[in-house]
Amino acid sequence: MTLPTAPRHGQQVPDTVFGYVSARSQGEVPMHEAAGFESARPFQADGDTRDRAKEYARAAGLSVTAESRLGFTVSGTPTAYEQLTGGRVETYEERQRVEMNQVRSVTHLDIVGERQPDTRGLGAVPGEDAIEAVALEQPRIPTRVLPVAATPPRVDRFHLAVPDDVARLLGATKAHDHRETGRGVQVAMVDTGQFQHPFFAANSCRIAPTVVLVPGTDPREDPVGHGTGESANIFAVAPGATLHPYRASDQQGHLTAAVAAFVRAKSDHPQVLTNSWSGDIGQFPPVGPPAQIDAMWAMEILDAVEQGIVVVFSAGNGQFSIEPQVPGVISAGGVFAGPDGKLQASNYASGYISPWIRDVVVPKVCGLVGMLPRAQYLLLPVPPGCEIDVAESRPSPDDTETDSTVDNDGWAMFSGTSAAAPQLAGAVAVLLGARPGLTPAQVTEAFTRTATDITTGTCHPRFGNQARPGPDEATGAGLVNVSAALDFVLTQFP
């Protein structure tokens, strides 16, 4: 069965396409028809069924890139997908909120044909005794985007320094003074790549070799700079943690294999899995339930939580997507600390009540995020001359200001909830370093019970929610307080 999408146009289909195959569930309901998100367990497939499904995929010419208890990700030519499904791969355009708070048309892929419905639904494919559905990866957006110095340049704009300012404002410095640094905790990060910037060596950061998902890409490169820069936030909060980067980007830096990288990272069983990216569902509030492809993806995320992995997703920079709404996920929103130290909700960060999942508010808790129009806030290490290095040093259509750096110095000023997610991942690592057996629910409780309440400001104008005393739709429980959360787990979960 294949999951089609909507309007089609004649853009060129890429030579390599990434997708997901849902193996037939042990329960009676297919994963894409899930009515709720209470648990992913009913949608697990037995080993024999998964093996048959993989045989069908491989016989069609697809390569299996990662596997979970529910299904597996694949890559291959459009012809291979057509062989498996009996349809054909085409492109269509959809307007979405993308990098730097811009809205533009984004090219998506679809499987169409006589046996494929014109609207979101199902069609029969060879191998349906083992395969419930085949879905193509939809575009994901990073939610922020020469010799190089290990220390940042002097700039004339207000900003936060990494690691010191971030550690101080998130209450992590006190924990570090007591030697709680997240030492030995394994943190996986799915992003655009990880460049060996001198900043990391100078700060004694532990970084494992990068795992690449797109064939032909270099594990030493990060064309965008997003993964490299945002990973510095992990070490600001948890300098003793070990980072495991998963490069989900292609040669140009596009996140074409985000789902594949997530599933692969999950299969390696990290203690923390952080993700500074998401999709964007164009309408808010949405009409009807989540699309079937989003329901399938949500189950893969829920399965990671049920395995005991603490999963963090950025709430979005005006985006509305399924990822941060999945039960058990720690969704990372934004709080801005100004030059005077006063805290307010970041108007760059998404914030809303989930229209799909009862009692879920996005975000759960917040990290440090800048303000509109560009959230230029944290001075972060990036590959010299990468996309972000260049973009942030120049004016944008919405902002004549620059970050006061040059376009090839290996430093750029940016943030977004892309920064909040790894900050929270670092906070999780500190807690797990002190109490290794904590569950995702216990970590979430510690954060939400001890966060600094934010009572002023509003979140992104797409949602327009006001911060107020107590938990709210703009900042969730508030700004994470690492030392307070650490004290909570040490006393409440001995």
Foldseek 3Di string as FASTA:
>chain_A
DAWFAADFDADDDDFKFKKWWFWQFPAPDALLPDQAQPALNRQFDDPVLQVLVVVLLVVLPWDFLFADRGTTMIMGGQSSVCSFFVFGKGKDWDWFQAALRDIDIDIFIGTDDPQDDNHGDDGDTPSVVTTDYMYTDGFKHQFKWPQADLADDDFDDAFAEPQPRQCVLQQQVVLVVVVLQLAPAEEEEEFAAAAPHSVCVVLVAAEDQEAERDPPDDRNDRQTQLVHFLLSLLCSRRVNYYYHYYHQADPNSTNRRRLNSVNRVLVVPGQEYFYRIFTADPDPVDDDADRSVQSSSLSSVSVSQVVQRAYEYEQHQLGDHSVQQRPLHQYEAEWEQDPVRDIAFAQRTAFDADPHHPPGTPHQAYGHFAHPSRRQHYKTFGQFQHNQLDVQQQADPVGRDHNRDHSGNRIGGMGGSSNTRSNVVSLVSSQCSVVVPDGSVLLSCLFLVQADAHDADAYHPSHGWGGHPAATRRGGSYHGNSVSSNVCCVPVVD
